[in-house]
Each structure stands twice: as structure tokens, then as C-alpha cells.
Amino acid sequence: MNRLKLLAAMALVLFIGARPAVASQVTTTFSMPVTMQIAATTTDCTNAPGPQITFGGQFALAGLNATLTFSNNAKGTHTYTDGVHVDASILGAGQTVVVPKQPSRGGVGGNPFIWVQMLDGSGRAMTDEIYLGRCVQGDYKEEASFALPMRAVVEYDVSDCQNSPGPTITLSGYLSLESGLKARLIFRNNDNPVGGPHKAERGNDVVIDLLSASQVASFPKQPVRGGVGGNPWISLALTQSNGSPAGAATTLGRCVQSSK
């Protein structure tokens, strides 16, 4: 009985190790550097319980590139040889994400000084406090640079596994915010928050939700031709336009087509 269980376990390991890369998806999370163009306006600066500030802006996405590696054996065996690398651009750099304008009521009357701090969807600070100005100025334009948590879902489909010059991989998918985007508005009674003879007293902070954890871009379908025939092993790695990895590389499996 124990021998039968052992044989079954070995068969399961062999089946998983040679899983076919036919049609599925890969999900990866990473941090994308962005620079947000902040636009804000204020009204009712001297009224109680504080001014109304309308906050919005936009930021551009970095590009994403996919590298597919085709090899003649699984990595880790003594017969493994490095395969052919094929690069494809799945998202062009510069696609803009607009942050809808959000009105919010401040917590300090009497024409306060205003700062903003960008947060992720969980409330974790992604920037230092950024000084906007005094409420009476009315309009503010600033930049905020930070690393925004992202999730990429890449869907792939494999065909022509045995043919020369190699299989065709069709890629598609989408990019979404991993946890959303928030802003903390900070109101003080003067512009010296760090100390000194006229240290600012902090009023009520206001946190506003700007973007939810939702899709912000899609990857159009595109075919990529491999360079290794004979049913190769395939791995996928994503990189950003600045060269940094977008998550870890993933072994998709062996290019075995399912019977029709």
C-alpha cells in the first residue's frame, strides 16, 4: 500500500514538472515609479469649520516589456542549455492616468497653510509632506514622485509547439493598482511645521480616496514567435522601461499543445 502511494506521488510530481504551457495567465506585483502632477484649488478659506479644497491631477505610467525565454530543457538539469530570448513591448511608456477631482473640507479656519502627503490604498505614506501654500492662494500646482504598488496580469496562449522556427506565444492582459491611491491633506496655522519660535499647530488632517485598486491600462493582444523548436520550455519575465524588474520571472511550463 505504501509503495502504491509512493508511485502515485512520483507520478504527480512528474505531471506538475512537465505541465503544458497552453493557455493561462501570470500575475506579478511590483512598484512602479511615477511623478504625479498635482492640481488643487481652495475656497472658503476663512470660514468655519475650514476651507474647501478640490484635489486632483494625473500621472504617466512607465512602459512594460516582456522577455520570453525558450530552452531545450528545464533549468536545474545537467542537460540544460540557455535558450533564445525574445523581447516584446506590451505597454508603451507615457500612458496617462487621470485622478478625478475630489472635494474635501479642511479642519482649520482662518486661512490655513496646506500640505499634502500621498498614501497607498492601505494608508502607508509614499511621500514626505509636500507644501502647497496658504489657502488664500486659491490654485496650486506641484509634483509628487513616488513608487506606486502595481499588479500586472499577463495572459498567454501557446501554439505551433513542434514547428520551426518555434512556437507562437500570444500575450495580452492588464495593469491595475495593487491597493489604490489616497492623499492626506494637512492644515496648519503657519508655514513652519518643523519647530522654532512660531511652530505650526496642526489641525485636523483629511484623507481622501483618489483611486481604487482597479485596472488602469490594458495590454493589446500580440503574437511573439519563439526561436527554439521541438517543444521547448518557456519562461516569462517583465521589466519596466527604466530596466528594473516588474516582479520575478515565471516558468510557464513546456510547450505541449493539448489535443483537440
C-alpha atoms as a PDB file:
ATOM      1  CA  MET A   1       0.000   0.000   0.000  1.00  0.00           C
ATOM      2  CA  ASN A   2       2.822   2.392   0.875  1.00  0.00           C
ATOM      3  CA  ARG A   3       4.511   1.503  -2.435  1.00  0.00           C
ATOM      4  CA  LEU A   4       1.349   2.446  -4.332  1.00  0.00           C
ATOM      5  CA  LYS A   5       1.181   5.801  -2.543  1.00  0.00           C
ATOM      6  CA  LEU A   6       4.843   6.456  -3.347  1.00  0.00           C
ATOM      7  CA  LEU A   7       4.304   5.693  -7.036  1.00  0.00           C
ATOM      8  CA  ALA A   8       1.251   7.962  -7.126  1.00  0.00           C
ATOM      9  CA  ALA A   9       3.192  10.813  -5.534  1.00  0.00           C
ATOM     10  CA  MET A  10       6.041  10.381  -8.015  1.00  0.00           C
ATOM     11  CA  ALA A  11       3.594  10.458 -10.912  1.00  0.00           C
ATOM     12  CA  LEU A  12       2.043  13.666  -9.566  1.00  0.00           C
ATOM     13  CA  VAL A  13       5.464  15.331  -9.303  1.00  0.00           C
ATOM     14  CA  LEU A  14       6.318  14.341 -12.878  1.00  0.00           C
ATOM     15  CA  PHE A  15       2.970  15.650 -14.101  1.00  0.00           C
ATOM     16  CA  ILE A  16       3.405  19.016 -12.372  1.00  0.00           C
ATOM     17  CA  GLY A  17       7.040  19.343 -13.509  1.00  0.00           C
ATOM     18  CA  ALA A  18       6.064  18.910 -17.164  1.00  0.00           C
ATOM     19  CA  ARG A  19       2.913  20.991 -17.098  1.00  0.00           C
ATOM     20  CA  PRO A  20       1.936  22.253 -20.562  1.00  0.00           C
ATOM     21  CA  ALA A  21       2.125  25.973 -21.339  1.00  0.00           C
ATOM     22  CA  VAL A  22      -1.042  26.094 -23.420  1.00  0.00           C
ATOM     23  CA  ALA A  23      -3.342  28.901 -22.233  1.00  0.00           C
ATOM     24  CA  SER A  24      -3.198  30.568 -18.820  1.00  0.00           C
ATOM     25  CA  GLN A  25      -2.050  33.711 -17.032  1.00  0.00           C
ATOM     26  CA  VAL A  26       0.730  35.063 -14.829  1.00  0.00           C
ATOM     27  CA  THR A  27       0.159  37.614 -12.053  1.00  0.00           C
ATOM     28  CA  THR A  28       3.005  39.688 -10.629  1.00  0.00           C
ATOM     29  CA  THR A  29       3.221  42.665  -8.259  1.00  0.00           C
ATOM     30  CA  PHE A  30       5.869  45.379  -8.234  1.00  0.00           C
ATOM     31  CA  SER A  31       6.481  49.086  -7.542  1.00  0.00           C
ATOM     32  CA  MET A  32       6.306  51.492 -10.484  1.00  0.00           C
ATOM     33  CA  PRO A  33       7.966  54.934 -10.124  1.00  0.00           C
ATOM     34  CA  VAL A  34       5.566  57.716 -11.135  1.00  0.00           C
ATOM     35  CA  THR A  35       5.522  61.515 -10.975  1.00  0.00           C
ATOM     36  CA  MET A  36       2.085  62.920 -10.273  1.00  0.00           C
ATOM     37  CA  GLN A  37       1.103  66.367 -11.474  1.00  0.00           C
ATOM     38  CA  ILE A  38      -0.981  67.723  -8.590  1.00  0.00           C
ATOM     39  CA  ALA A  39      -3.707  70.285  -9.215  1.00  0.00           C
ATOM     40  CA  ALA A  40      -5.714  71.729  -6.304  1.00  0.00           C
ATOM     41  CA  THR A  41      -7.998  74.704  -5.665  1.00  0.00           C
ATOM     42  CA  THR A  42      -9.378  76.199  -2.440  1.00  0.00           C
ATOM     43  CA  THR A  43     -12.389  78.270  -1.446  1.00  0.00           C
ATOM     44  CA  ASP A  44     -13.967  79.492   1.831  1.00  0.00           C
ATOM     45  CA  CYS A  45     -10.550  79.971   3.422  1.00  0.00           C
ATOM     46  CA  THR A  46     -11.675  81.930   6.494  1.00  0.00           C
ATOM     47  CA  ASN A  47     -14.939  80.100   7.148  1.00  0.00           C
ATOM     48  CA  ALA A  48     -15.569  77.535   9.877  1.00  0.00           C
ATOM     49  CA  PRO A  49     -15.005  74.583  10.054  1.00  0.00           C
ATOM     50  CA  GLY A  50     -12.323  75.243   7.429  1.00  0.00           C
ATOM     51  CA  PRO A  51     -11.766  75.701   3.695  1.00  0.00           C
ATOM     52  CA  GLN A  52     -12.992  73.503   0.894  1.00  0.00           C
ATOM     53  CA  ILE A  53     -10.170  72.114  -1.213  1.00  0.00           C
ATOM     54  CA  THR A  54     -10.643  70.296  -4.528  1.00  0.00           C
ATOM     55  CA  PHE A  55      -7.781  67.888  -5.229  1.00  0.00           C
ATOM     56  CA  GLY A  56      -6.900  66.075  -8.458  1.00  0.00           C
ATOM     57  CA  GLY A  57      -4.144  65.539 -11.015  1.00  0.00           C
ATOM     58  CA  GLN A  58      -2.610  62.921 -13.264  1.00  0.00           C
ATOM     59  CA  PHE A  59       0.463  60.717 -13.664  1.00  0.00           C
ATOM     60  CA  ALA A  60       2.073  58.762 -16.509  1.00  0.00           C
ATOM     61  CA  LEU A  61       2.744  55.027 -16.442  1.00  0.00           C
ATOM     62  CA  ALA A  62       6.150  53.533 -17.177  1.00  0.00           C
ATOM     63  CA  GLY A  63       6.360  51.074 -20.049  1.00  0.00           C
ATOM     64  CA  LEU A  64       6.390  47.294 -19.612  1.00  0.00           C
ATOM     65  CA  ASN A  65       8.425  44.833 -21.656  1.00  0.00           C
ATOM     66  CA  ALA A  66       8.109  41.044 -21.729  1.00  0.00           C
ATOM     67  CA  THR A  67      11.078  38.720 -22.225  1.00  0.00           C
ATOM     68  CA  LEU A  68      10.247  35.154 -23.233  1.00  0.00           C
ATOM     69  CA  THR A  69      12.999  32.555 -22.915  1.00  0.00           C
ATOM     70  CA  PHE A  70      12.791  29.302 -24.898  1.00  0.00           C
ATOM     71  CA  SER A  71      15.053  26.451 -23.762  1.00  0.00           C
ATOM     72  CA  ASN A  72      15.532  22.835 -24.706  1.00  0.00           C
ATOM     73  CA  ASN A  73      15.291  21.513 -21.158  1.00  0.00           C
ATOM     74  CA  ALA A  74      14.174  22.502 -17.676  1.00  0.00           C
ATOM     75  CA  LYS A  75      16.629  24.602 -15.680  1.00  0.00           C
ATOM     76  CA  GLY A  76      18.295  22.586 -12.947  1.00  0.00           C
ATOM     77  CA  THR A  77      19.156  19.501 -15.002  1.00  0.00           C
ATOM     78  CA  HIS A  78      22.654  18.747 -16.275  1.00  0.00           C
ATOM     79  CA  THR A  79      21.490  18.899 -19.903  1.00  0.00           C
ATOM     80  CA  TYR A  80      20.022  22.434 -19.640  1.00  0.00           C
ATOM     81  CA  THR A  81      21.280  24.966 -22.153  1.00  0.00           C
ATOM     82  CA  ASP A  82      20.386  28.655 -22.178  1.00  0.00           C
ATOM     83  CA  GLY A  83      17.748  29.302 -24.780  1.00  0.00           C
ATOM     84  CA  VAL A  84      16.656  32.024 -27.106  1.00  0.00           C
ATOM     85  CA  HIS A  85      15.425  35.310 -25.604  1.00  0.00           C
ATOM     86  CA  VAL A  86      12.612  37.160 -27.375  1.00  0.00           C
ATOM     87  CA  ASP A  87      11.597  40.667 -26.232  1.00  0.00           C
ATOM     88  CA  ALA A  88       8.215  42.323 -26.755  1.00  0.00           C
ATOM     89  CA  SER A  89       6.802  45.677 -25.629  1.00  0.00           C
ATOM     90  CA  ILE A  90       3.391  45.090 -24.048  1.00  0.00           C
ATOM     91  CA  LEU A  91       2.763  48.601 -22.670  1.00  0.00           C
ATOM     92  CA  GLY A  92       4.231  51.790 -24.088  1.00  0.00           C
ATOM     93  CA  ALA A  93       5.584  54.358 -21.641  1.00  0.00           C
ATOM     94  CA  GLY A  94       3.683  57.584 -21.045  1.00  0.00           C
ATOM     95  CA  GLN A  95       0.078  56.390 -20.865  1.00  0.00           C
ATOM     96  CA  THR A  96      -1.704  58.882 -18.595  1.00  0.00           C
ATOM     97  CA  VAL A  97      -3.896  58.041 -15.602  1.00  0.00           C
ATOM     98  CA  VAL A  98      -6.204  60.895 -14.594  1.00  0.00           C
ATOM     99  CA  VAL A  99      -7.008  61.339 -10.895  1.00  0.00           C
ATOM    100  CA  PRO A 100     -10.610  62.625 -10.728  1.00  0.00           C
ATOM    101  CA  LYS A 101     -11.118  65.839  -8.781  1.00  0.00           C
ATOM    102  CA  GLN A 102     -12.247  65.248  -5.216  1.00  0.00           C
ATOM    103  CA  PRO A 103     -13.735  67.986  -2.990  1.00  0.00           C
ATOM    104  CA  SER A 104     -12.867  67.889   0.703  1.00  0.00           C
ATOM    105  CA  ARG A 105     -13.498  70.139   3.730  1.00  0.00           C
ATOM    106  CA  GLY A 106     -10.487  71.201   5.820  1.00  0.00           C
ATOM    107  CA  GLY A 107     -10.357  71.273   9.608  1.00  0.00           C
ATOM    108  CA  VAL A 108      -8.681  74.638  10.332  1.00  0.00           C
ATOM    109  CA  GLY A 109     -10.325  78.001   9.727  1.00  0.00           C
ATOM    110  CA  GLY A 110      -8.632  81.377   9.427  1.00  0.00           C
ATOM    111  CA  ASN A 111      -6.777  80.970   6.122  1.00  0.00           C
ATOM    112  CA  PRO A 112      -4.558  77.934   6.988  1.00  0.00           C
ATOM    113  CA  PHE A 113      -1.351  76.697   5.343  1.00  0.00           C
ATOM    114  CA  ILE A 114      -1.779  73.425   3.436  1.00  0.00           C
ATOM    115  CA  TRP A 115       0.450  70.392   2.823  1.00  0.00           C
ATOM    116  CA  VAL A 116      -0.292  67.100   1.046  1.00  0.00           C
ATOM    117  CA  GLN A 117       1.148  63.609   1.516  1.00  0.00           C
ATOM    118  CA  MET A 118       0.493  60.762  -0.937  1.00  0.00           C
ATOM    119  CA  LEU A 119      -0.595  57.402   0.519  1.00  0.00           C
ATOM    120  CA  ASP A 120      -1.233  53.968  -0.896  1.00  0.00           C
ATOM    121  CA  GLY A 121      -4.651  52.362  -0.504  1.00  0.00           C
ATOM    122  CA  SER A 122      -3.684  50.967   2.914  1.00  0.00           C
ATOM    123  CA  GLY A 123      -2.721  54.409   4.225  1.00  0.00           C
ATOM    124  CA  ARG A 124       1.045  53.874   4.026  1.00  0.00           C
ATOM    125  CA  ALA A 125       2.948  57.087   3.283  1.00  0.00           C
ATOM    126  CA  MET A 126       4.651  57.111  -0.133  1.00  0.00           C
ATOM    127  CA  THR A 127       5.988  60.696   0.047  1.00  0.00           C
ATOM    128  CA  ASP A 128       7.027  63.272   2.605  1.00  0.00           C
ATOM    129  CA  GLU A 129       4.698  66.180   3.264  1.00  0.00           C
ATOM    130  CA  ILE A 130       4.610  68.481   0.219  1.00  0.00           C
ATOM    131  CA  TYR A 131       3.907  72.141   0.874  1.00  0.00           C
ATOM    132  CA  LEU A 132       1.164  73.579  -1.352  1.00  0.00           C
ATOM    133  CA  GLY A 133       0.803  77.074   0.096  1.00  0.00           C
ATOM    134  CA  ARG A 134      -1.647  79.229   2.007  1.00  0.00           C
ATOM    135  CA  CYS A 135      -5.341  78.735   1.474  1.00  0.00           C
ATOM    136  CA  VAL A 136      -5.906  82.233   0.090  1.00  0.00           C
ATOM    137  CA  GLN A 137      -3.688  81.473  -2.923  1.00  0.00           C
ATOM    138  CA  GLY A 138      -6.579  79.524  -4.418  1.00  0.00           C
ATOM    139  CA  ASP A 139      -4.742  77.428  -7.017  1.00  0.00           C
ATOM    140  CA  TYR A 140      -1.798  75.048  -6.559  1.00  0.00           C
ATOM    141  CA  LYS A 141       0.295  73.016  -8.967  1.00  0.00           C
ATOM    142  CA  GLU A 142       3.023  70.738  -7.607  1.00  0.00           C
ATOM    143  CA  GLU A 143       4.749  67.443  -8.451  1.00  0.00           C
ATOM    144  CA  ALA A 144       4.931  64.346  -6.276  1.00  0.00           C
ATOM    145  CA  SER A 145       7.315  61.483  -7.156  1.00  0.00           C
ATOM    146  CA  PHE A 146       6.734  58.101  -5.528  1.00  0.00           C
ATOM    147  CA  ALA A 147       6.699  54.343  -6.122  1.00  0.00           C
ATOM    148  CA  LEU A 148       3.158  53.140  -6.741  1.00  0.00           C
ATOM    149  CA  PRO A 149       2.305  49.475  -5.989  1.00  0.00           C
ATOM    150  CA  MET A 150       1.084  47.792  -9.191  1.00  0.00           C
ATOM    151  CA  ARG A 151      -0.277  44.416 -10.288  1.00  0.00           C
ATOM    152  CA  ALA A 152       0.232  43.066 -13.817  1.00  0.00           C
ATOM    153  CA  VAL A 153      -1.823  40.176 -15.182  1.00  0.00           C
ATOM    154  CA  VAL A 154      -0.374  38.702 -18.379  1.00  0.00           C
ATOM    155  CA  GLU A 155      -2.499  36.201 -20.258  1.00  0.00           C
ATOM    156  CA  TYR A 156      -0.732  33.904 -22.710  1.00  0.00           C
ATOM    157  CA  ASP A 157      -1.672  31.332 -25.309  1.00  0.00           C
ATOM    158  CA  VAL A 158       0.755  28.890 -26.969  1.00  0.00           C
ATOM    159  CA  SER A 159       0.508  27.289 -30.403  1.00  0.00           C
ATOM    160  CA  ASP A 160       2.736  25.544 -33.003  1.00  0.00           C
ATOM    161  CA  CYS A 161       4.897  23.900 -30.364  1.00  0.00           C
ATOM    162  CA  GLN A 162       6.649  21.405 -32.649  1.00  0.00           C
ATOM    163  CA  ASN A 163       7.019  23.688 -35.672  1.00  0.00           C
ATOM    164  CA  SER A 164      10.123  25.537 -36.843  1.00  0.00           C
ATOM    165  CA  PRO A 165      11.333  28.191 -36.071  1.00  0.00           C
ATOM    166  CA  GLY A 166       9.486  27.740 -32.780  1.00  0.00           C
ATOM    167  CA  PRO A 167       6.126  28.250 -31.076  1.00  0.00           C
ATOM    168  CA  THR A 168       3.913  31.325 -31.229  1.00  0.00           C
ATOM    169  CA  ILE A 169       3.027  32.937 -27.889  1.00  0.00           C
ATOM    170  CA  THR A 170       0.105  35.370 -27.855  1.00  0.00           C
ATOM    171  CA  LEU A 171       0.273  37.855 -24.976  1.00  0.00           C
ATOM    172  CA  SER A 172      -2.448  40.131 -23.566  1.00  0.00           C
ATOM    173  CA  GLY A 173      -3.611  41.308 -20.137  1.00  0.00           C
ATOM    174  CA  TYR A 174      -3.890  44.406 -17.978  1.00  0.00           C
ATOM    175  CA  LEU A 175      -2.235  46.597 -15.331  1.00  0.00           C
ATOM    176  CA  SER A 176      -4.006  47.659 -12.135  1.00  0.00           C
ATOM    177  CA  LEU A 177      -3.290  49.495  -8.903  1.00  0.00           C
ATOM    178  CA  GLU A 178      -2.418  46.984  -6.210  1.00  0.00           C
ATOM    179  CA  SER A 179      -4.047  48.845  -3.311  1.00  0.00           C
ATOM    180  CA  GLY A 180      -5.351  52.181  -4.607  1.00  0.00           C
ATOM    181  CA  LEU A 181      -4.197  55.763  -4.089  1.00  0.00           C
ATOM    182  CA  LYS A 182      -5.031  58.291  -1.354  1.00  0.00           C
ATOM    183  CA  ALA A 183      -3.947  61.783  -0.313  1.00  0.00           C
ATOM    184  CA  ARG A 184      -3.622  63.241   3.180  1.00  0.00           C
ATOM    185  CA  LEU A 185      -4.328  66.980   3.332  1.00  0.00           C
ATOM    186  CA  ILE A 186      -2.676  68.686   6.288  1.00  0.00           C
ATOM    187  CA  PHE A 187      -3.783  72.109   7.603  1.00  0.00           C
ATOM    188  CA  ARG A 188      -1.651  74.253   9.948  1.00  0.00           C
ATOM    189  CA  ASN A 189      -1.855  77.785  11.287  1.00  0.00           C
ATOM    190  CA  ASN A 190       1.571  78.847   9.942  1.00  0.00           C
ATOM    191  CA  ASP A 191       4.202  77.631   7.471  1.00  0.00           C
ATOM    192  CA  ASN A 192       6.860  76.460   9.938  1.00  0.00           C
ATOM    193  CA  PRO A 193       5.941  72.850  10.785  1.00  0.00           C
ATOM    194  CA  VAL A 194       9.448  71.783  11.964  1.00  0.00           C
ATOM    195  CA  GLY A 195       9.800  73.956  15.054  1.00  0.00           C
ATOM    196  CA  GLY A 196      11.241  77.335  16.054  1.00  0.00           C
ATOM    197  CA  PRO A 197       9.663  80.338  17.729  1.00  0.00           C
ATOM    198  CA  HIS A 198       6.486  80.051  15.674  1.00  0.00           C
ATOM    199  CA  LYS A 199       5.931  76.307  15.392  1.00  0.00           C
ATOM    200  CA  ALA A 200       2.767  75.492  13.466  1.00  0.00           C
ATOM    201  CA  GLU A 201      -0.133  73.852  15.219  1.00  0.00           C
ATOM    202  CA  ARG A 202      -1.544  71.007  13.179  1.00  0.00           C
ATOM    203  CA  GLY A 203      -5.282  70.945  12.618  1.00  0.00           C
ATOM    204  CA  ASN A 204      -7.463  68.058  11.514  1.00  0.00           C
ATOM    205  CA  ASP A 205      -5.907  66.022   8.697  1.00  0.00           C
ATOM    206  CA  VAL A 206      -8.230  64.968   5.900  1.00  0.00           C
ATOM    207  CA  VAL A 207      -7.608  61.732   3.958  1.00  0.00           C
ATOM    208  CA  ILE A 208      -9.343  61.433   0.602  1.00  0.00           C
ATOM    209  CA  ASP A 209      -9.641  58.388  -1.671  1.00  0.00           C
ATOM    210  CA  LEU A 210      -8.348  59.218  -5.151  1.00  0.00           C
ATOM    211  CA  LEU A 211      -8.219  55.868  -6.989  1.00  0.00           C
ATOM    212  CA  SER A 212      -9.394  52.390  -6.043  1.00  0.00           C
ATOM    213  CA  ALA A 213      -7.487  49.148  -6.604  1.00  0.00           C
ATOM    214  CA  SER A 214      -8.677  48.856 -10.189  1.00  0.00           C
ATOM    215  CA  GLN A 215      -7.447  48.434 -13.748  1.00  0.00           C
ATOM    216  CA  VAL A 216      -5.593  51.418 -15.232  1.00  0.00           C
ATOM    217  CA  ALA A 217      -4.285  50.029 -18.564  1.00  0.00           C
ATOM    218  CA  SER A 218      -4.698  47.009 -20.844  1.00  0.00           C
ATOM    219  CA  PHE A 219      -2.208  45.096 -22.995  1.00  0.00           C
ATOM    220  CA  PRO A 220      -3.438  44.555 -26.556  1.00  0.00           C
ATOM    221  CA  LYS A 221      -3.054  41.023 -27.940  1.00  0.00           C
ATOM    222  CA  GLN A 222       0.184  40.433 -29.792  1.00  0.00           C
ATOM    223  CA  PRO A 223       1.882  37.281 -31.107  1.00  0.00           C
ATOM    224  CA  VAL A 224       5.531  36.563 -30.317  1.00  0.00           C
ATOM    225  CA  ARG A 225       7.458  33.927 -32.297  1.00  0.00           C
ATOM    226  CA  GLY A 226       9.887  31.723 -30.381  1.00  0.00           C
ATOM    227  CA  GLY A 227      13.278  30.650 -31.688  1.00  0.00           C
ATOM    228  CA  VAL A 228      13.572  27.091 -30.382  1.00  0.00           C
ATOM    229  CA  GLY A 229      11.613  24.273 -31.986  1.00  0.00           C
ATOM    230  CA  GLY A 230      10.978  20.788 -30.673  1.00  0.00           C
ATOM    231  CA  ASN A 231       8.564  21.514 -27.830  1.00  0.00           C
ATOM    232  CA  PRO A 232      10.710  23.932 -25.709  1.00  0.00           C
ATOM    233  CA  TRP A 233      10.398  25.058 -22.111  1.00  0.00           C
ATOM    234  CA  ILE A 234       9.199  28.664 -21.764  1.00  0.00           C
ATOM    235  CA  SER A 235       9.729  31.318 -19.079  1.00  0.00           C
ATOM    236  CA  LEU A 236       8.408  34.889 -18.847  1.00  0.00           C
ATOM    237  CA  ALA A 237       9.963  37.963 -17.216  1.00  0.00           C
ATOM    238  CA  LEU A 238       8.620  41.534 -17.131  1.00  0.00           C
ATOM    239  CA  THR A 239      10.755  44.663 -16.950  1.00  0.00           C
ATOM    240  CA  GLN A 240       9.851  48.338 -16.705  1.00  0.00           C
ATOM    241  CA  SER A 241      11.024  50.945 -19.187  1.00  0.00           C
ATOM    242  CA  ASN A 242      13.757  52.041 -16.742  1.00  0.00           C
ATOM    243  CA  GLY A 243      15.183  48.497 -16.803  1.00  0.00           C
ATOM    244  CA  SER A 244      14.046  47.438 -13.318  1.00  0.00           C
ATOM    245  CA  PRO A 245      12.220  44.096 -12.973  1.00  0.00           C
ATOM    246  CA  ALA A 246       8.454  44.029 -12.625  1.00  0.00           C
ATOM    247  CA  GLY A 247       8.221  41.078 -10.278  1.00  0.00           C
ATOM    248  CA  ALA A 248      10.032  37.749 -10.518  1.00  0.00           C
ATOM    249  CA  ALA A 249      10.476  35.675 -13.666  1.00  0.00           C
ATOM    250  CA  THR A 250       7.983  32.812 -14.055  1.00  0.00           C
ATOM    251  CA  THR A 251       8.398  29.411 -15.700  1.00  0.00           C
ATOM    252  CA  LEU A 252       5.288  28.895 -17.796  1.00  0.00           C
ATOM    253  CA  GLY A 253       5.978  25.244 -18.487  1.00  0.00           C
ATOM    254  CA  ARG A 254       6.712  23.120 -21.503  1.00  0.00           C
ATOM    255  CA  CYS A 255       5.180  23.997 -24.858  1.00  0.00           C
ATOM    256  CA  VAL A 256       2.905  20.959 -25.125  1.00  0.00           C
ATOM    257  CA  GLN A 257      -0.317  21.555 -27.007  1.00  0.00           C
ATOM    258  CA  SER A 258      -3.488  19.949 -25.783  1.00  0.00           C
ATOM    259  CA  SER A 259      -5.236  17.521 -28.135  1.00  0.00           C
ATOM    260  CA  LYS A 260      -8.293  18.893 -29.930  1.00  0.00           C
END
